[in-house]
C-alpha cells in the first residue's frame, strides 16, 4: 500500500511539473500572438500552421521508421484536427477584439467543459468540491463578459464582447480536443496521435490560409522581426503538443486544464521581466538621444 501511494505521489508530482511547463508554454504563445495582433497582422491560422507541420514531419517520420499499424480510425484524427485548428483560430482571432487579460481569464471556461465531457464520455467521477469549483468558474466567466460589456471603449481591443465570445467558443473546442486526445492517447498511440493531428492540422490550416489569409500574408513586410514570432509560435506549439500528450496519458485532461490556471501568474512574470526590460531600454535610448543632442 505504501509503495502504491509513493508511485501515485510521484505520478502526481510529475503531472504538476509537466502542467506548469505547459502553462508557461501556453502563456508564451499567447503573448507572442498578442504581439502579432498588435502589429495589425490578421493571420490567426498561419500562426499555428508551422507547428502542425513540425508535428507531422517529426512524428510522421517516427511512424514511418516504426512501420506500425494504425490503431485508430483516420477520420477520428481528422475530426480532432479540425476541432483543434478551429479552437486555435478562434482564440488567436480574439486577440484582435479584446484584451489579453480577458482572453486568459475566459480561457478558464475550458475547465467546466472538460469536467462535464470527461464525466459523460470517460466516466470520470468528481466530488462536490470539484462541482463547486465549476460553479465558481462559470460565475467568473459571466463577470468578465459583463465587465467588458459595461467597460465599452475602456476595455482593450476593438470589440471586447465579440472577442470574449470568440474565446468562450475557442475554449469549448479546446475542451473537446483535450478530452478526445486523452481518449485516443490511452486507446491508441501517442506518436500516431501527434503524427495524424499534425498532418490533418497542416492540411486544414493550408486550405483555410489559402482561402482567408492570402492577402494578409502578402501584406506583411517579411523582415526578421516579422518572421521570428511565427517561428517562436511554431516551436512553442510543437513542444506544447508533445508534452500535452504525455500529461494526458498519465494524469488526464482535468489535471492539464487545472494546470493552466497558473497562466495568469506566468503572464505577470513575463510582463515584469520581458516588458519591463523593453520599457527600460526605450527610456534608456531616449536619455542617450537627449544627451547626444
Protein backbone atom coordinates (compact mmCIF):
# COMPACT_ATOMS: atom_id res chain seq x y z
CA UNK A 1 0.00 0.00 0.00
CA UNK A 2 2.87 2.39 0.89
CA UNK A 3 4.59 1.56 -2.40
CA UNK A 4 1.37 2.27 -4.32
CA UNK A 5 0.93 5.62 -2.57
CA UNK A 6 4.55 6.51 -3.37
CA UNK A 7 4.03 5.74 -7.07
CA UNK A 8 0.79 7.74 -7.07
CA UNK A 9 2.50 10.72 -5.36
CA UNK A 10 5.42 10.62 -7.83
CA UNK A 11 2.95 10.45 -10.74
CA UNK A 12 1.06 13.47 -9.36
CA UNK A 13 4.27 15.47 -8.85
CA UNK A 14 5.43 14.73 -12.41
CA UNK A 15 1.97 15.74 -13.63
CA UNK A 16 2.15 19.02 -11.71
CA UNK A 17 5.60 19.76 -13.14
CA UNK A 18 4.53 19.00 -16.70
CA UNK A 19 1.39 21.06 -16.16
CA UNK A 20 3.42 24.11 -15.20
CA UNK A 21 5.73 23.74 -18.20
CA UNK A 22 2.64 23.56 -20.42
CA UNK A 23 1.13 26.57 -18.66
CA UNK A 24 4.32 28.57 -19.28
CA UNK A 25 4.41 27.49 -22.95
CA UNK A 26 0.72 28.42 -23.36
CA UNK A 27 1.32 31.86 -21.82
CA UNK A 28 4.39 32.47 -24.01
CA UNK A 29 2.43 31.54 -27.15
CA UNK A 30 -0.40 33.83 -26.02
CA UNK A 31 1.98 36.76 -25.53
CA UNK A 32 3.54 36.22 -28.95
CA UNK A 33 0.09 36.03 -30.60
CA UNK A 34 -0.90 39.21 -28.80
CA UNK A 35 2.21 40.98 -30.12
CA UNK A 36 1.46 39.83 -33.69
CA UNK A 37 -2.11 41.14 -33.34
CA UNK A 38 -0.76 44.50 -32.08
CA UNK A 39 1.24 44.82 -35.28
CA UNK A 40 -2.03 44.60 -37.22
CA UNK A 41 -1.29 41.15 -38.71
CA UNK A 42 -4.58 39.30 -39.20
CA UNK A 43 -3.42 35.71 -39.81
CA UNK A 44 -4.62 33.51 -36.93
CA UNK A 45 -4.43 30.16 -38.74
CA UNK A 46 -0.96 30.90 -40.13
CA UNK A 47 0.43 31.30 -36.62
CA UNK A 48 -0.11 27.64 -35.66
CA UNK A 49 0.36 26.19 -39.19
CA UNK A 50 4.12 25.62 -38.92
CA UNK A 51 3.61 23.92 -35.55
CA UNK A 52 1.34 21.33 -37.18
CA UNK A 53 3.88 20.88 -39.98
CA UNK A 54 6.62 20.16 -37.42
CA UNK A 55 4.41 17.60 -35.67
CA UNK A 56 3.64 15.88 -38.99
CA UNK A 57 7.28 15.75 -40.09
CA UNK A 58 8.86 14.60 -36.83
CA UNK A 59 6.21 12.21 -35.51
CA UNK A 60 5.28 11.08 -39.03
CA UNK A 61 8.95 10.22 -39.57
CA UNK A 62 8.96 8.16 -36.36
CA UNK A 63 5.82 6.32 -37.52
CA UNK A 64 7.37 5.52 -40.90
CA UNK A 65 10.51 4.27 -39.20
CA UNK A 66 8.48 2.02 -36.91
CA UNK A 67 6.18 0.82 -39.72
CA UNK A 68 3.49 0.15 -37.13
CA UNK A 69 -0.18 -0.44 -37.93
CA UNK A 70 -2.63 2.42 -37.37
CA UNK A 71 -4.57 1.73 -34.16
CA UNK A 72 -7.42 4.24 -34.56
CA UNK A 73 -9.65 5.27 -37.47
CA UNK A 74 -8.08 8.02 -39.60
CA UNK A 75 -11.27 10.07 -39.64
CA UNK A 76 -11.17 10.31 -35.84
CA UNK A 77 -7.86 12.14 -36.19
CA UNK A 78 -9.30 14.29 -38.98
CA UNK A 79 -12.21 15.43 -36.79
CA UNK A 80 -9.86 16.03 -33.86
CA UNK A 81 -7.51 18.11 -36.02
CA UNK A 82 -10.46 20.16 -37.34
CA UNK A 83 -11.66 20.93 -33.80
CA UNK A 84 -8.11 21.77 -32.70
CA UNK A 85 -7.33 24.07 -35.65
CA UNK A 86 -10.60 25.97 -35.26
CA UNK A 87 -10.12 26.28 -31.49
CA UNK A 88 -6.70 27.85 -32.07
CA UNK A 89 -8.18 30.07 -34.81
CA UNK A 90 -10.96 31.43 -32.57
CA UNK A 91 -8.70 32.17 -29.58
CA UNK A 92 -6.00 33.85 -31.70
CA UNK A 93 -8.72 35.82 -33.52
CA UNK A 94 -9.99 37.02 -30.14
CA UNK A 95 -6.73 38.92 -29.51
CA UNK A 96 -7.75 41.35 -32.27
CA UNK A 97 -11.02 42.14 -30.49
CA UNK A 98 -10.43 42.02 -26.74
CA UNK A 99 -7.64 42.41 -24.19
CA UNK A 100 -5.13 39.70 -23.40
CA UNK A 101 -6.31 39.72 -19.78
CA UNK A 102 -9.86 38.85 -20.83
CA UNK A 103 -8.60 36.11 -23.14
CA UNK A 104 -6.54 34.46 -20.41
CA UNK A 105 -9.35 34.69 -17.85
CA UNK A 106 -12.06 33.41 -20.20
CA UNK A 107 -9.82 30.55 -21.29
CA UNK A 108 -10.73 29.03 -17.92
CA UNK A 109 -14.14 28.20 -19.42
CA UNK A 110 -12.41 25.05 -20.69
CA UNK A 111 -12.32 23.72 -17.09
CA UNK A 112 -16.08 23.11 -16.60
CA UNK A 113 -16.29 21.88 -20.21
CA UNK A 114 -13.54 19.30 -19.62
CA UNK A 115 -15.09 18.12 -16.35
CA UNK A 116 -18.50 17.67 -17.97
CA UNK A 117 -17.08 15.90 -21.05
CA UNK A 118 -14.86 13.54 -19.00
CA UNK A 119 -17.81 12.77 -16.71
CA UNK A 120 -20.07 11.91 -19.66
CA UNK A 121 -17.68 10.15 -22.03
CA UNK A 122 -14.77 8.90 -19.90
CA UNK A 123 -16.91 8.13 -16.81
CA UNK A 124 -14.60 10.15 -14.54
CA UNK A 125 -16.12 10.73 -11.09
CA UNK A 126 -15.88 14.12 -9.35
CA UNK A 127 -16.62 15.23 -5.82
CA UNK A 128 -18.77 18.09 -4.56
CA UNK A 129 -15.65 20.27 -4.22
CA UNK A 130 -14.94 19.86 -7.95
CA UNK A 131 -18.51 20.79 -8.85
CA UNK A 132 -18.32 23.86 -6.57
CA UNK A 133 -15.17 24.93 -8.44
CA UNK A 134 -17.00 24.60 -11.75
CA UNK A 135 -19.83 26.84 -10.50
CA UNK A 136 -17.30 29.48 -9.32
CA UNK A 137 -15.50 29.28 -12.68
CA UNK A 138 -18.75 29.82 -14.62
CA UNK A 139 -19.63 32.77 -12.35
CA UNK A 140 -16.20 34.26 -13.06
CA UNK A 141 -16.70 33.91 -16.83
CA UNK A 142 -20.06 35.68 -16.60
CA UNK A 143 -18.48 38.51 -14.57
CA UNK A 144 -15.64 39.01 -17.08
CA UNK A 145 -18.07 39.21 -20.03
CA UNK A 146 -20.39 41.51 -18.04
CA UNK A 147 -17.50 43.83 -17.15
CA UNK A 148 -16.40 44.02 -20.80
CA UNK A 149 -19.97 44.83 -21.87
CA UNK A 150 -20.07 47.78 -19.47
CA UNK A 151 -16.46 48.86 -19.97
CA UNK A 152 -17.16 49.86 -23.57
CA UNK A 153 -14.31 51.89 -25.04
CA UNK A 154 -12.26 51.49 -21.87
CA UNK A 155 -11.85 47.74 -22.45
CA UNK A 156 -8.89 46.60 -24.51
CA UNK A 157 -9.49 45.69 -28.14
CA UNK A 158 -11.79 46.96 -30.86
CA UNK A 159 -14.80 44.80 -29.91
CA UNK A 160 -14.39 43.27 -26.42
CA UNK A 161 -17.74 41.45 -26.29
CA UNK A 162 -17.15 39.77 -29.66
CA UNK A 163 -13.64 38.83 -28.52
CA UNK A 164 -15.00 37.38 -25.27
CA UNK A 165 -17.45 35.11 -27.10
CA UNK A 166 -14.71 34.03 -29.53
CA UNK A 167 -12.59 32.94 -26.53
CA UNK A 168 -15.51 31.06 -24.97
CA UNK A 169 -16.16 29.24 -28.27
CA UNK A 170 -12.45 28.51 -28.68
CA UNK A 171 -12.14 27.26 -25.07
CA UNK A 172 -15.10 24.92 -25.65
CA UNK A 173 -13.35 23.47 -28.71
CA UNK A 174 -10.13 23.18 -26.67
CA UNK A 175 -12.03 21.12 -24.10
CA UNK A 176 -13.41 18.80 -26.80
CA UNK A 177 -9.91 18.49 -28.28
CA UNK A 178 -8.25 17.75 -24.93
CA UNK A 179 -10.76 15.08 -23.91
CA UNK A 180 -10.58 13.48 -27.37
CA UNK A 181 -6.78 13.47 -27.20
CA UNK A 182 -6.91 11.87 -23.74
CA UNK A 183 -9.17 9.11 -25.08
CA UNK A 184 -7.05 8.49 -28.19
CA UNK A 185 -3.67 8.65 -26.46
CA UNK A 186 -4.84 5.99 -24.00
CA UNK A 187 -6.59 3.76 -26.56
CA UNK A 188 -4.20 4.21 -29.50
CA UNK A 189 -0.64 5.56 -29.55
CA UNK A 190 0.94 8.90 -28.63
CA UNK A 191 3.22 9.09 -31.71
CA UNK A 192 0.35 8.12 -34.02
CA UNK A 193 -1.88 10.78 -32.45
CA UNK A 194 0.70 13.55 -32.90
CA UNK A 195 1.57 12.49 -36.45
CA UNK A 196 -2.04 12.50 -37.67
CA UNK A 197 -3.07 15.63 -35.77
CA UNK A 198 -0.04 17.36 -37.32
CA UNK A 199 -0.80 16.02 -40.82
CA UNK A 200 -4.51 16.82 -40.86
CA UNK A 201 -3.97 20.06 -38.93
CA UNK A 202 -1.46 21.22 -41.56
CA UNK A 203 -3.83 20.26 -44.43
CA UNK A 204 -6.84 22.01 -42.85
CA UNK A 205 -4.68 25.01 -41.99
CA UNK A 206 -3.28 25.26 -45.53
CA UNK A 207 -6.81 25.21 -47.02
CA UNK A 208 -8.02 27.83 -44.55
CA UNK A 209 -4.97 30.05 -45.15
CA UNK A 210 -5.36 29.86 -48.95
CA UNK A 211 -9.00 30.97 -48.68
CA UNK A 212 -8.96 33.55 -45.88
CA UNK A 213 -5.40 34.71 -45.17
CA UNK A 214 -3.59 35.03 -48.51
CA UNK A 215 -3.99 38.80 -48.69
CA UNK A 216 -2.97 39.25 -45.05
CA UNK A 217 0.23 37.25 -45.59
CA UNK A 218 1.06 39.17 -48.79
CA UNK A 219 0.68 42.48 -46.94
CA UNK A 220 3.26 41.52 -44.29
CA UNK A 221 6.73 43.00 -44.68
CA UNK A 222 8.73 39.81 -44.06
CA UNK A 223 11.63 41.13 -42.01
CA UNK A 224 13.46 39.22 -39.26
CA UNK A 225 11.18 40.85 -36.69
CA UNK A 226 8.10 39.55 -38.53
CA UNK A 227 9.41 36.02 -39.09
CA UNK A 228 10.74 35.29 -35.58
CA UNK A 229 7.34 35.44 -33.80
CA UNK A 230 5.90 32.90 -36.26
CA UNK A 231 8.90 30.59 -35.76
CA UNK A 232 8.64 31.02 -31.99
CA UNK A 233 4.97 30.04 -32.04
CA UNK A 234 5.74 27.04 -34.27
CA UNK A 235 8.35 25.76 -31.81
CA UNK A 236 6.05 26.52 -28.88
CA UNK A 237 3.13 24.64 -30.48
CA UNK A 238 5.35 21.63 -31.21
CA UNK A 239 6.68 21.45 -27.64
CA UNK A 240 3.22 22.12 -26.20
CA UNK A 241 1.51 19.25 -28.02
CA UNK A 242 4.46 16.89 -27.48
CA UNK A 243 4.30 17.38 -23.70
CA UNK A 244 0.50 17.60 -23.61
CA UNK A 245 0.03 14.02 -24.80
CA UNK A 246 2.40 12.79 -22.06
CA UNK A 247 0.37 14.61 -19.38
CA UNK A 248 -2.97 13.45 -20.81
CA UNK A 249 -1.82 9.83 -20.79
CA UNK A 250 -0.52 9.89 -17.21
CA UNK A 251 -2.81 12.36 -15.41
CA UNK A 252 -5.74 13.17 -17.71
CA UNK A 253 -7.24 16.31 -19.24
CA UNK A 254 -8.66 17.58 -15.93
CA UNK A 255 -5.13 17.90 -14.48
CA UNK A 256 -3.96 19.69 -17.63
CA UNK A 257 -6.85 22.16 -17.69
CA UNK A 258 -6.45 22.97 -13.99
CA UNK A 259 -2.70 23.48 -14.52
CA UNK A 260 -3.50 26.30 -16.94
CA UNK A 261 -4.95 28.33 -14.05
CA UNK A 262 -1.39 29.41 -13.21
CA UNK A 263 -1.04 31.00 -16.66
CA UNK A 264 -2.03 34.34 -15.07
CA UNK A 265 0.96 34.04 -12.72
CA UNK A 266 3.31 33.31 -15.65
CA UNK A 267 1.76 36.24 -17.53
CA UNK A 268 2.57 38.59 -14.65
CA UNK A 269 6.18 37.34 -14.53
CA UNK A 270 6.58 37.75 -18.29
CA UNK A 271 5.18 41.28 -18.08
CA UNK A 272 7.56 42.15 -15.23
CA UNK A 273 10.75 40.75 -16.74
CA UNK A 274 10.25 40.94 -20.52
CA UNK A 275 8.12 44.06 -20.86
CA UNK A 276 9.87 45.96 -18.06
CA UNK A 277 13.17 45.33 -19.81
CA UNK A 278 11.70 46.72 -23.05
CA UNK A 279 10.46 49.85 -21.32
CA UNK A 280 13.84 50.36 -19.63
CA UNK A 281 15.63 50.01 -22.98
CA UNK A 282 13.26 52.54 -24.54
CA UNK A 283 13.71 55.03 -21.71
CA UNK A 284 17.47 54.48 -21.77
CA UNK A 285 17.52 55.05 -25.50
CA UNK A 286 15.59 58.30 -25.07
CA UNK A 287 18.07 59.52 -22.47
CA UNK A 288 21.04 58.74 -24.69
CA UNK A 289 19.39 60.51 -27.62
CA UNK A 290 18.75 63.58 -25.47
CA UNK A 291 22.27 63.72 -24.08
CA UNK A 292 23.83 63.38 -27.51
CA UNK A 293 21.65 66.18 -28.73
